[in-house]
Amino acid sequence: MGSIAAGNTLIFMLRWDPVEAFRIIERERVHATGGVPTIAWQLIEHPERKNYDLSSLETIAYGGAPAAPELVRKIREVFGALPGNGWGMTETMATVTGHSSEDYLNRPDSCGPPVAVADLRIMSEDGTREMAVGEIGELWARGPMVVKGYWRNPEATAQTFIDGWVRTGDLARLDDEGYCYIADRAKDMIIRGGENIYSSEVENALYDHPAVTDAALIGLPHKQLGEEPAAVVHLAPGTSADEAELQQWVAARLAKFKVPVRIVFSAETLPRNANGKILKKDLLAVF
């Protein structure tokens, strides 16, 4: 909408294809592009990239799914462009936070502060207590972009919308400057023997490995511990890594109980829905 208001030229692709995107960027001197993080990764990793003049790119922005800090650094390193990100949900008509340029480079694991007309707060699991700065809890959002409720579903509306706030179902924290950091979806958090494992933390450690371009952490049932973490990863073309190497990589960066007990490699990028979110339920079958 901002691009329309500014009178910019907008170019739409019928379906995503990275090589066709390279051709369009070169021909039209595109200065901003993006979509979901997978698109940004494919622009970076595709072997045909070197055959096109992409120097017009100033911004690569995305949303719809979590993005690894490594992606932020790669956008700057490979294209000399600035990254952009944000957080929102269907119930907030998308944007609630915005994060871009140097702010994003300095806080690559954040989805940014709330936009000017929005408020955020972090609440306890039962919704009765606001958490302190830096503590993880459920993210609540408020603003004119929040819908009034669910169509013909008063029960779900009463559970989700509280005095103008929407309970997002995301686990997050706020820093002392109001920047938001998403830890996980509440339903995706893995509890291993009473210890909380936030999938984004482990996924980001995997993304920091130079061979990994797609990663997802899921919980495998365990008789004694309840759950154990396991990962599915996709490697960049022309690179290699094995399970033991990636487990050691994570162990060097995170607590031992967070290291995936199994890692499976996918020849293709991981399955996603139309919004770019990885379909973690579909990944259970590979184990």
C-alpha atoms as a PDB file:
ATOM      1  CA  MET A   1       0.000   0.000   0.000  1.00  0.00           C
ATOM      2  CA  GLY A   2       2.893   2.345   0.698  1.00  0.00           C
ATOM      3  CA  SER A   3       4.317   1.617  -2.745  1.00  0.00           C
ATOM      4  CA  ILE A   4       0.973   2.404  -4.382  1.00  0.00           C
ATOM      5  CA  ALA A   5       0.669   5.663  -2.423  1.00  0.00           C
ATOM      6  CA  ALA A   6       4.196   6.645  -3.472  1.00  0.00           C
ATOM      7  CA  GLY A   7       3.455   5.997  -7.149  1.00  0.00           C
ATOM      8  CA  ASN A   8       6.052   3.257  -7.455  1.00  0.00           C
ATOM      9  CA  THR A   9       6.045   0.702 -10.248  1.00  0.00           C
ATOM     10  CA  LEU A  10       4.856  -2.684  -8.972  1.00  0.00           C
ATOM     11  CA  ILE A  11       5.818  -5.903 -10.739  1.00  0.00           C
ATOM     12  CA  PHE A  12       3.976  -9.149  -9.967  1.00  0.00           C
ATOM     13  CA  MET A  13       5.014 -12.681 -10.875  1.00  0.00           C
ATOM     14  CA  LEU A  14       2.394 -15.290 -11.696  1.00  0.00           C
ATOM     15  CA  ARG A  15       4.420 -17.841  -9.712  1.00  0.00           C
ATOM     16  CA  TRP A  16       7.750 -17.635  -7.939  1.00  0.00           C
ATOM     17  CA  ASP A  17      10.832 -18.600  -9.913  1.00  0.00           C
ATOM     18  CA  PRO A  18      14.224 -17.255  -8.805  1.00  0.00           C
ATOM     19  CA  VAL A  19      15.813 -17.142 -12.283  1.00  0.00           C
ATOM     20  CA  GLU A  20      12.825 -15.260 -13.705  1.00  0.00           C
ATOM     21  CA  ALA A  21      13.098 -12.919 -10.702  1.00  0.00           C
ATOM     22  CA  PHE A  22      16.755 -12.275 -11.540  1.00  0.00           C
ATOM     23  CA  ARG A  23      15.764 -11.377 -15.116  1.00  0.00           C
ATOM     24  CA  ILE A  24      13.060  -8.983 -13.920  1.00  0.00           C
ATOM     25  CA  ILE A  25      15.310  -7.300 -11.342  1.00  0.00           C
ATOM     26  CA  GLU A  26      18.014  -6.739 -13.967  1.00  0.00           C
ATOM     27  CA  ARG A  27      15.628  -5.558 -16.712  1.00  0.00           C
ATOM     28  CA  GLU A  28      13.418  -3.291 -14.593  1.00  0.00           C
ATOM     29  CA  ARG A  29      16.144  -2.090 -12.182  1.00  0.00           C
ATOM     30  CA  VAL A  30      14.036  -3.230  -9.237  1.00  0.00           C
ATOM     31  CA  HIS A  31      15.072  -1.571  -5.975  1.00  0.00           C
ATOM     32  CA  ALA A  32      12.939  -3.547  -3.487  1.00  0.00           C
ATOM     33  CA  THR A  33      11.729  -7.126  -3.437  1.00  0.00           C
ATOM     34  CA  GLY A  34      10.859  -9.891  -1.018  1.00  0.00           C
ATOM     35  CA  GLY A  35       7.953 -12.011   0.145  1.00  0.00           C
ATOM     36  CA  VAL A  36       8.708 -14.762   2.646  1.00  0.00           C
ATOM     37  CA  PRO A  37      12.166 -15.711   4.008  1.00  0.00           C
ATOM     38  CA  THR A  38      12.410 -18.701   1.654  1.00  0.00           C
ATOM     39  CA  ILE A  39      12.347 -16.337  -1.324  1.00  0.00           C
ATOM     40  CA  ALA A  40      15.194 -14.282   0.134  1.00  0.00           C
ATOM     41  CA  TRP A  41      17.246 -17.434   0.743  1.00  0.00           C
ATOM     42  CA  GLN A  42      16.691 -18.607  -2.835  1.00  0.00           C
ATOM     43  CA  LEU A  43      17.826 -15.246  -4.204  1.00  0.00           C
ATOM     44  CA  ILE A  44      21.013 -15.604  -2.179  1.00  0.00           C
ATOM     45  CA  GLU A  45      21.781 -19.279  -2.783  1.00  0.00           C
ATOM     46  CA  HIS A  46      20.780 -19.802  -6.429  1.00  0.00           C
ATOM     47  CA  PRO A  47      23.833 -20.549  -8.595  1.00  0.00           C
ATOM     48  CA  GLU A  48      22.465 -18.403 -11.475  1.00  0.00           C
ATOM     49  CA  ARG A  49      22.609 -15.219  -9.361  1.00  0.00           C
ATOM     50  CA  LYS A  50      26.140 -14.376 -10.525  1.00  0.00           C
ATOM     51  CA  ASN A  51      24.951 -14.165 -14.145  1.00  0.00           C
ATOM     52  CA  TYR A  52      22.688 -11.143 -13.558  1.00  0.00           C
ATOM     53  CA  ASP A  53      23.202  -7.498 -12.610  1.00  0.00           C
ATOM     54  CA  LEU A  54      21.265  -7.132  -9.357  1.00  0.00           C
ATOM     55  CA  SER A  55      23.033  -3.987  -8.190  1.00  0.00           C
ATOM     56  CA  SER A  56      19.793  -1.968  -8.226  1.00  0.00           C
ATOM     57  CA  LEU A  57      18.488  -3.839  -5.176  1.00  0.00           C
ATOM     58  CA  GLU A  58      18.361  -1.631  -2.086  1.00  0.00           C
ATOM     59  CA  THR A  59      15.930  -3.593   0.093  1.00  0.00           C
ATOM     60  CA  ILE A  60      14.915  -7.227   0.536  1.00  0.00           C
ATOM     61  CA  ALA A  61      12.004  -7.497   2.944  1.00  0.00           C
ATOM     62  CA  TYR A  62       9.830 -10.380   4.060  1.00  0.00           C
ATOM     63  CA  GLY A  63       7.256 -11.565   6.554  1.00  0.00           C
ATOM     64  CA  GLY A  64       4.831 -14.399   7.118  1.00  0.00           C
ATOM     65  CA  ALA A  65       7.339 -16.746   8.752  1.00  0.00           C
ATOM     66  CA  PRO A  66      10.296 -16.607  11.150  1.00  0.00           C
ATOM     67  CA  ALA A  67      13.624 -15.502   9.668  1.00  0.00           C
ATOM     68  CA  ALA A  68      17.077 -16.461  10.900  1.00  0.00           C
ATOM     69  CA  PRO A  69      19.576 -13.739  11.909  1.00  0.00           C
ATOM     70  CA  GLU A  70      21.960 -15.282   9.365  1.00  0.00           C
ATOM     71  CA  LEU A  71      19.575 -14.234   6.574  1.00  0.00           C
ATOM     72  CA  VAL A  72      19.802 -10.601   7.705  1.00  0.00           C
ATOM     73  CA  ARG A  73      23.589 -10.685   7.508  1.00  0.00           C
ATOM     74  CA  LYS A  74      23.594 -12.479   4.148  1.00  0.00           C
ATOM     75  CA  ILE A  75      21.336  -9.874   2.494  1.00  0.00           C
ATOM     76  CA  ARG A  76      23.813  -7.154   3.434  1.00  0.00           C
ATOM     77  CA  GLU A  77      26.857  -9.247   2.540  1.00  0.00           C
ATOM     78  CA  VAL A  78      25.667 -10.641  -0.817  1.00  0.00           C
ATOM     79  CA  PHE A  79      23.617  -7.778  -2.242  1.00  0.00           C
ATOM     80  CA  GLY A  80      24.776  -4.755  -0.255  1.00  0.00           C
ATOM     81  CA  ALA A  81      21.070  -4.249   0.387  1.00  0.00           C
ATOM     82  CA  LEU A  82      19.207  -3.576   3.612  1.00  0.00           C
ATOM     83  CA  PRO A  83      16.818  -6.124   5.160  1.00  0.00           C
ATOM     84  CA  GLY A  84      13.220  -5.580   6.214  1.00  0.00           C
ATOM     85  CA  ASN A  85      10.897  -7.606   8.393  1.00  0.00           C
ATOM     86  CA  GLY A  86       7.752  -7.333  10.465  1.00  0.00           C
ATOM     87  CA  TRP A  87       5.289  -9.324  12.515  1.00  0.00           C
ATOM     88  CA  GLY A  88       1.536  -9.656  12.393  1.00  0.00           C
ATOM     89  CA  MET A  89      -1.263 -12.166  11.994  1.00  0.00           C
ATOM     90  CA  THR A  90      -4.583 -12.556  10.207  1.00  0.00           C
ATOM     91  CA  GLU A  91      -6.381 -11.148  13.252  1.00  0.00           C
ATOM     92  CA  THR A  92      -4.323  -7.946  12.999  1.00  0.00           C
ATOM     93  CA  MET A  93      -4.606  -7.528   9.212  1.00  0.00           C
ATOM     94  CA  ALA A  94      -0.857  -8.227   9.017  1.00  0.00           C
ATOM     95  CA  THR A  95       1.431  -5.471  10.272  1.00  0.00           C
ATOM     96  CA  VAL A  96       1.891  -4.804  13.998  1.00  0.00           C
ATOM     97  CA  THR A  97       5.676  -4.437  14.127  1.00  0.00           C
ATOM     98  CA  GLY A  98       8.130  -3.128  11.548  1.00  0.00           C
ATOM     99  CA  HIS A  99      11.876  -3.661  11.401  1.00  0.00           C
ATOM    100  CA  SER A 100      14.291  -2.491   8.711  1.00  0.00           C
ATOM    101  CA  SER A 101      17.660  -1.120   7.677  1.00  0.00           C
ATOM    102  CA  GLU A 102      20.347  -0.504  10.315  1.00  0.00           C
ATOM    103  CA  ASP A 103      17.963  -1.210  13.183  1.00  0.00           C
ATOM    104  CA  TYR A 104      17.411  -4.687  11.767  1.00  0.00           C
ATOM    105  CA  LEU A 105      21.130  -5.241  11.173  1.00  0.00           C
ATOM    106  CA  ASN A 106      21.772  -4.339  14.813  1.00  0.00           C
ATOM    107  CA  ARG A 107      18.975  -6.595  16.130  1.00  0.00           C
ATOM    108  CA  PRO A 108      18.771  -9.416  13.577  1.00  0.00           C
ATOM    109  CA  ASP A 109      16.809 -11.710  15.908  1.00  0.00           C
ATOM    110  CA  SER A 110      14.007  -9.183  16.514  1.00  0.00           C
ATOM    111  CA  CYS A 111      10.825  -8.511  14.520  1.00  0.00           C
ATOM    112  CA  GLY A 112      11.026  -4.864  15.531  1.00  0.00           C
ATOM    113  CA  PRO A 113       9.075  -2.409  17.673  1.00  0.00           C
ATOM    114  CA  PRO A 114       5.326  -1.871  17.312  1.00  0.00           C
ATOM    115  CA  VAL A 115       4.211   0.552  14.623  1.00  0.00           C
ATOM    116  CA  ALA A 116       3.130   3.980  15.831  1.00  0.00           C
ATOM    117  CA  VAL A 117      -0.544   3.081  16.395  1.00  0.00           C
ATOM    118  CA  ALA A 118       0.016  -0.321  18.046  1.00  0.00           C
ATOM    119  CA  ASP A 119       0.865  -1.508  21.556  1.00  0.00           C
ATOM    120  CA  LEU A 120       2.456  -4.750  22.693  1.00  0.00           C
ATOM    121  CA  ARG A 121       2.668  -6.453  26.043  1.00  0.00           C
ATOM    122  CA  ILE A 122       3.913  -9.791  27.330  1.00  0.00           C
ATOM    123  CA  MET A 123       1.500 -11.662  29.594  1.00  0.00           C
ATOM    124  CA  SER A 124       1.649 -14.731  31.823  1.00  0.00           C
ATOM    125  CA  GLU A 125       0.161 -17.981  30.528  1.00  0.00           C
ATOM    126  CA  ASP A 126      -3.106 -17.432  32.402  1.00  0.00           C
ATOM    127  CA  GLY A 127      -3.373 -13.829  31.149  1.00  0.00           C
ATOM    128  CA  THR A 128      -3.483 -12.276  34.623  1.00  0.00           C
ATOM    129  CA  ARG A 129       0.002 -10.778  34.955  1.00  0.00           C
ATOM    130  CA  GLU A 130       2.240  -8.663  32.726  1.00  0.00           C
ATOM    131  CA  MET A 131       5.773 -10.024  32.511  1.00  0.00           C
ATOM    132  CA  ALA A 132       8.908  -8.008  33.209  1.00  0.00           C
ATOM    133  CA  VAL A 133      11.211  -6.723  30.465  1.00  0.00           C
ATOM    134  CA  GLY A 134      13.159  -9.622  28.987  1.00  0.00           C
ATOM    135  CA  GLU A 135      10.867 -12.352  30.292  1.00  0.00           C
ATOM    136  CA  ILE A 136       9.127 -14.705  27.865  1.00  0.00           C
ATOM    137  CA  GLY A 137       5.338 -14.941  27.896  1.00  0.00           C
ATOM    138  CA  GLU A 138       2.386 -14.726  25.533  1.00  0.00           C
ATOM    139  CA  LEU A 139       2.419 -11.746  23.180  1.00  0.00           C
ATOM    140  CA  TRP A 140      -0.711  -9.552  23.289  1.00  0.00           C
ATOM    141  CA  ALA A 141      -1.285  -6.770  20.745  1.00  0.00           C
ATOM    142  CA  ARG A 142      -3.612  -3.773  20.561  1.00  0.00           C
ATOM    143  CA  GLY A 143      -4.352  -1.198  17.858  1.00  0.00           C
ATOM    144  CA  PRO A 144      -6.821  -0.111  15.169  1.00  0.00           C
ATOM    145  CA  MET A 145      -5.681  -3.008  12.955  1.00  0.00           C
ATOM    146  CA  VAL A 146      -7.003  -5.626  15.403  1.00  0.00           C
ATOM    147  CA  VAL A 147     -10.304  -7.156  14.275  1.00  0.00           C
ATOM    148  CA  LYS A 148     -13.324  -7.185  16.569  1.00  0.00           C
ATOM    149  CA  GLY A 149     -13.741 -10.941  16.613  1.00  0.00           C
ATOM    150  CA  TYR A 150     -14.372 -14.135  14.696  1.00  0.00           C
ATOM    151  CA  TRP A 151     -17.346 -14.423  12.376  1.00  0.00           C
ATOM    152  CA  ARG A 152     -20.235 -16.144  14.146  1.00  0.00           C
ATOM    153  CA  ASN A 153     -17.941 -17.666  16.783  1.00  0.00           C
ATOM    154  CA  PRO A 154     -18.556 -15.866  20.093  1.00  0.00           C
ATOM    155  CA  GLU A 155     -16.754 -18.537  22.146  1.00  0.00           C
ATOM    156  CA  ALA A 156     -13.478 -18.179  20.236  1.00  0.00           C
ATOM    157  CA  THR A 157     -13.886 -14.394  20.222  1.00  0.00           C
ATOM    158  CA  ALA A 158     -14.233 -14.293  24.013  1.00  0.00           C
ATOM    159  CA  GLN A 159     -11.110 -16.418  24.454  1.00  0.00           C
ATOM    160  CA  THR A 160      -8.918 -14.469  22.030  1.00  0.00           C
ATOM    161  CA  PHE A 161      -9.982 -10.813  22.288  1.00  0.00           C
ATOM    162  CA  ILE A 162      -9.710  -9.245  25.758  1.00  0.00           C
ATOM    163  CA  ASP A 163     -10.587  -5.549  26.290  1.00  0.00           C
ATOM    164  CA  GLY A 164      -9.248  -4.532  22.881  1.00  0.00           C
ATOM    165  CA  TRP A 165      -6.188  -6.798  23.050  1.00  0.00           C
ATOM    166  CA  VAL A 166      -5.689  -9.911  20.928  1.00  0.00           C
ATOM    167  CA  ARG A 167      -4.001 -12.922  22.499  1.00  0.00           C
ATOM    168  CA  THR A 168      -1.647 -13.951  19.697  1.00  0.00           C
ATOM    169  CA  GLY A 169      -0.598 -17.426  20.814  1.00  0.00           C
ATOM    170  CA  ASP A 170       3.019 -16.455  20.181  1.00  0.00           C
ATOM    171  CA  LEU A 171       5.659 -16.649  22.916  1.00  0.00           C
ATOM    172  CA  ALA A 172       7.840 -13.551  22.918  1.00  0.00           C
ATOM    173  CA  ARG A 173       9.785 -11.029  24.952  1.00  0.00           C
ATOM    174  CA  LEU A 174      10.319  -7.269  24.775  1.00  0.00           C
ATOM    175  CA  ASP A 175      13.627  -5.534  25.419  1.00  0.00           C
ATOM    176  CA  ASP A 176      14.082  -2.250  27.266  1.00  0.00           C
ATOM    177  CA  GLU A 177      13.533  -0.252  24.045  1.00  0.00           C
ATOM    178  CA  GLY A 178      10.310  -2.040  23.119  1.00  0.00           C
ATOM    179  CA  TYR A 179      11.747  -4.305  20.406  1.00  0.00           C
ATOM    180  CA  CYS A 180       9.909  -7.608  20.128  1.00  0.00           C
ATOM    181  CA  TYR A 181      11.580 -11.029  19.916  1.00  0.00           C
ATOM    182  CA  ILE A 182       9.387 -13.992  18.949  1.00  0.00           C
ATOM    183  CA  ALA A 183      10.508 -17.173  20.725  1.00  0.00           C
ATOM    184  CA  ASP A 184       7.972 -19.667  19.395  1.00  0.00           C
ATOM    185  CA  ARG A 185       4.348 -20.495  18.819  1.00  0.00           C
ATOM    186  CA  ALA A 186       2.998 -21.618  22.189  1.00  0.00           C
ATOM    187  CA  LYS A 187       1.784 -24.870  20.627  1.00  0.00           C
ATOM    188  CA  ASP A 188       5.198 -25.533  19.031  1.00  0.00           C
ATOM    189  CA  MET A 189       7.287 -25.164  22.198  1.00  0.00           C
ATOM    190  CA  ILE A 190       8.990 -28.436  23.131  1.00  0.00           C
ATOM    191  CA  ILE A 191       9.102 -29.430  26.815  1.00  0.00           C
ATOM    192  CA  ARG A 192      11.863 -31.955  27.455  1.00  0.00           C
ATOM    193  CA  GLY A 193      11.862 -33.308  30.992  1.00  0.00           C
ATOM    194  CA  GLY A 194      10.390 -30.050  32.276  1.00  0.00           C
ATOM    195  CA  GLU A 195      12.818 -27.827  30.356  1.00  0.00           C
ATOM    196  CA  ASN A 196      11.384 -25.425  27.756  1.00  0.00           C
ATOM    197  CA  ILE A 197      12.953 -25.539  24.293  1.00  0.00           C
ATOM    198  CA  TYR A 198      11.978 -22.660  21.984  1.00  0.00           C
ATOM    199  CA  SER A 199      12.270 -23.902  18.430  1.00  0.00           C
ATOM    200  CA  SER A 200      13.431 -20.590  16.963  1.00  0.00           C
ATOM    201  CA  GLU A 201      16.526 -20.611  19.172  1.00  0.00           C
ATOM    202  CA  VAL A 202      17.642 -24.026  17.922  1.00  0.00           C
ATOM    203  CA  GLU A 203      16.632 -23.271  14.328  1.00  0.00           C
ATOM    204  CA  ASN A 204      18.663 -20.054  14.378  1.00  0.00           C
ATOM    205  CA  ALA A 205      21.708 -21.992  15.627  1.00  0.00           C
ATOM    206  CA  LEU A 206      21.301 -24.396  12.711  1.00  0.00           C
ATOM    207  CA  TYR A 207      20.881 -21.507  10.241  1.00  0.00           C
ATOM    208  CA  ASP A 208      24.209 -20.094  11.432  1.00  0.00           C
ATOM    209  CA  HIS A 209      25.922 -23.169   9.946  1.00  0.00           C
ATOM    210  CA  PRO A 210      27.185 -22.187   6.476  1.00  0.00           C
ATOM    211  CA  ALA A 211      25.557 -25.208   4.786  1.00  0.00           C
ATOM    212  CA  VAL A 212      22.037 -24.853   6.207  1.00  0.00           C
ATOM    213  CA  THR A 213      19.396 -22.799   4.390  1.00  0.00           C
ATOM    214  CA  ASP A 214      16.190 -24.336   5.755  1.00  0.00           C
ATOM    215  CA  ALA A 215      15.569 -25.760   9.225  1.00  0.00           C
ATOM    216  CA  ALA A 216      12.679 -26.755  11.452  1.00  0.00           C
ATOM    217  CA  LEU A 217      12.606 -28.189  14.969  1.00  0.00           C
ATOM    218  CA  ILE A 218       9.805 -30.479  16.103  1.00  0.00           C
ATOM    219  CA  GLY A 219       9.119 -32.578  19.198  1.00  0.00           C
ATOM    220  CA  LEU A 220       9.294 -36.365  19.134  1.00  0.00           C
ATOM    221  CA  PRO A 221       7.342 -38.256  21.816  1.00  0.00           C
ATOM    222  CA  HIS A 222       9.504 -39.761  24.564  1.00  0.00           C
ATOM    223  CA  LYS A 223       8.270 -42.147  27.250  1.00  0.00           C
ATOM    224  CA  GLN A 224      10.260 -40.624  30.132  1.00  0.00           C
ATOM    225  CA  LEU A 225      11.005 -37.054  29.042  1.00  0.00           C
ATOM    226  CA  GLY A 226       7.689 -36.318  27.328  1.00  0.00           C
ATOM    227  CA  GLU A 227       9.343 -34.902  24.209  1.00  0.00           C
ATOM    228  CA  GLU A 228      12.741 -34.669  22.590  1.00  0.00           C
ATOM    229  CA  PRO A 229      13.869 -32.155  19.935  1.00  0.00           C
ATOM    230  CA  ALA A 230      14.484 -33.339  16.371  1.00  0.00           C
ATOM    231  CA  ALA A 231      15.316 -31.299  13.282  1.00  0.00           C
ATOM    232  CA  VAL A 232      14.742 -31.409   9.555  1.00  0.00           C
ATOM    233  CA  VAL A 233      17.193 -29.391   7.461  1.00  0.00           C
ATOM    234  CA  HIS A 234      17.832 -28.536   3.822  1.00  0.00           C
ATOM    235  CA  LEU A 235      21.378 -27.760   2.721  1.00  0.00           C
ATOM    236  CA  ALA A 236      22.513 -25.135   0.245  1.00  0.00           C
ATOM    237  CA  PRO A 237      23.438 -26.409  -3.229  1.00  0.00           C
ATOM    238  CA  GLY A 238      27.021 -27.651  -3.390  1.00  0.00           C
ATOM    239  CA  THR A 239      27.475 -27.927   0.392  1.00  0.00           C
ATOM    240  CA  SER A 240      27.543 -30.887   2.746  1.00  0.00           C
ATOM    241  CA  ALA A 241      27.056 -31.683   6.439  1.00  0.00           C
ATOM    242  CA  ASP A 242      26.054 -34.760   8.418  1.00  0.00           C
ATOM    243  CA  GLU A 243      23.985 -35.294  11.552  1.00  0.00           C
ATOM    244  CA  ALA A 244      26.912 -35.482  13.970  1.00  0.00           C
ATOM    245  CA  GLU A 245      28.462 -32.287  12.591  1.00  0.00           C
ATOM    246  CA  LEU A 246      25.262 -30.301  13.034  1.00  0.00           C
ATOM    247  CA  GLN A 247      24.649 -31.738  16.505  1.00  0.00           C
ATOM    248  CA  GLN A 248      28.143 -30.665  17.549  1.00  0.00           C
ATOM    249  CA  TRP A 249      27.528 -27.251  15.993  1.00  0.00           C
ATOM    250  CA  VAL A 250      24.383 -26.737  18.086  1.00  0.00           C
ATOM    251  CA  ALA A 251      26.018 -28.165  21.236  1.00  0.00           C
ATOM    252  CA  ALA A 252      28.783 -25.562  20.982  1.00  0.00           C
ATOM    253  CA  ARG A 253      26.182 -22.783  21.072  1.00  0.00           C
ATOM    254  CA  LEU A 254      23.291 -23.978  23.225  1.00  0.00           C
ATOM    255  CA  ALA A 255      22.608 -26.040  26.336  1.00  0.00           C
ATOM    256  CA  LYS A 256      22.959 -29.798  25.913  1.00  0.00           C
ATOM    257  CA  PHE A 257      19.234 -30.510  26.382  1.00  0.00           C
ATOM    258  CA  LYS A 258      18.438 -28.312  23.351  1.00  0.00           C
ATOM    259  CA  VAL A 259      20.578 -30.311  20.905  1.00  0.00           C
ATOM    260  CA  PRO A 260      18.408 -32.276  18.418  1.00  0.00           C
ATOM    261  CA  VAL A 261      18.551 -36.000  19.143  1.00  0.00           C
ATOM    262  CA  ARG A 262      17.951 -36.679  15.449  1.00  0.00           C
ATOM    263  CA  ILE A 263      18.526 -34.624  12.308  1.00  0.00           C
ATOM    264  CA  VAL A 264      17.025 -35.637   8.974  1.00  0.00           C
ATOM    265  CA  PHE A 265      18.094 -34.057   5.674  1.00  0.00           C
ATOM    266  CA  SER A 266      15.573 -33.001   3.038  1.00  0.00           C
ATOM    267  CA  ALA A 267      16.583 -32.786  -0.613  1.00  0.00           C
ATOM    268  CA  GLU A 268      13.995 -30.029  -1.139  1.00  0.00           C
ATOM    269  CA  THR A 269      13.117 -26.915   0.823  1.00  0.00           C
ATOM    270  CA  LEU A 270      10.710 -27.729   3.633  1.00  0.00           C
ATOM    271  CA  PRO A 271       6.933 -27.824   2.999  1.00  0.00           C
ATOM    272  CA  ARG A 272       5.135 -24.552   3.610  1.00  0.00           C
ATOM    273  CA  ASN A 273       1.630 -23.148   3.526  1.00  0.00           C
ATOM    274  CA  ALA A 274       0.570 -20.255   1.291  1.00  0.00           C
ATOM    275  CA  ASN A 275       1.881 -17.738   3.842  1.00  0.00           C
ATOM    276  CA  GLY A 276       5.352 -19.256   3.888  1.00  0.00           C
ATOM    277  CA  LYS A 277       5.111 -20.967   7.280  1.00  0.00           C
ATOM    278  CA  ILE A 278       6.719 -24.398   7.564  1.00  0.00           C
ATOM    279  CA  LEU A 279       4.146 -27.169   7.990  1.00  0.00           C
ATOM    280  CA  LYS A 280       5.734 -28.793  11.022  1.00  0.00           C
ATOM    281  CA  LYS A 281       2.973 -31.379  11.398  1.00  0.00           C
ATOM    282  CA  ASP A 282       3.906 -32.740   7.973  1.00  0.00           C
ATOM    283  CA  LEU A 283       7.509 -33.231   9.107  1.00  0.00           C
ATOM    284  CA  LEU A 284       6.657 -35.796  11.783  1.00  0.00           C
ATOM    285  CA  ALA A 285       6.249 -38.408   9.054  1.00  0.00           C
ATOM    286  CA  VAL A 286       9.944 -38.278   8.127  1.00  0.00           C
ATOM    287  CA  PHE A 287      10.781 -39.728  11.554  1.00  0.00           C
END
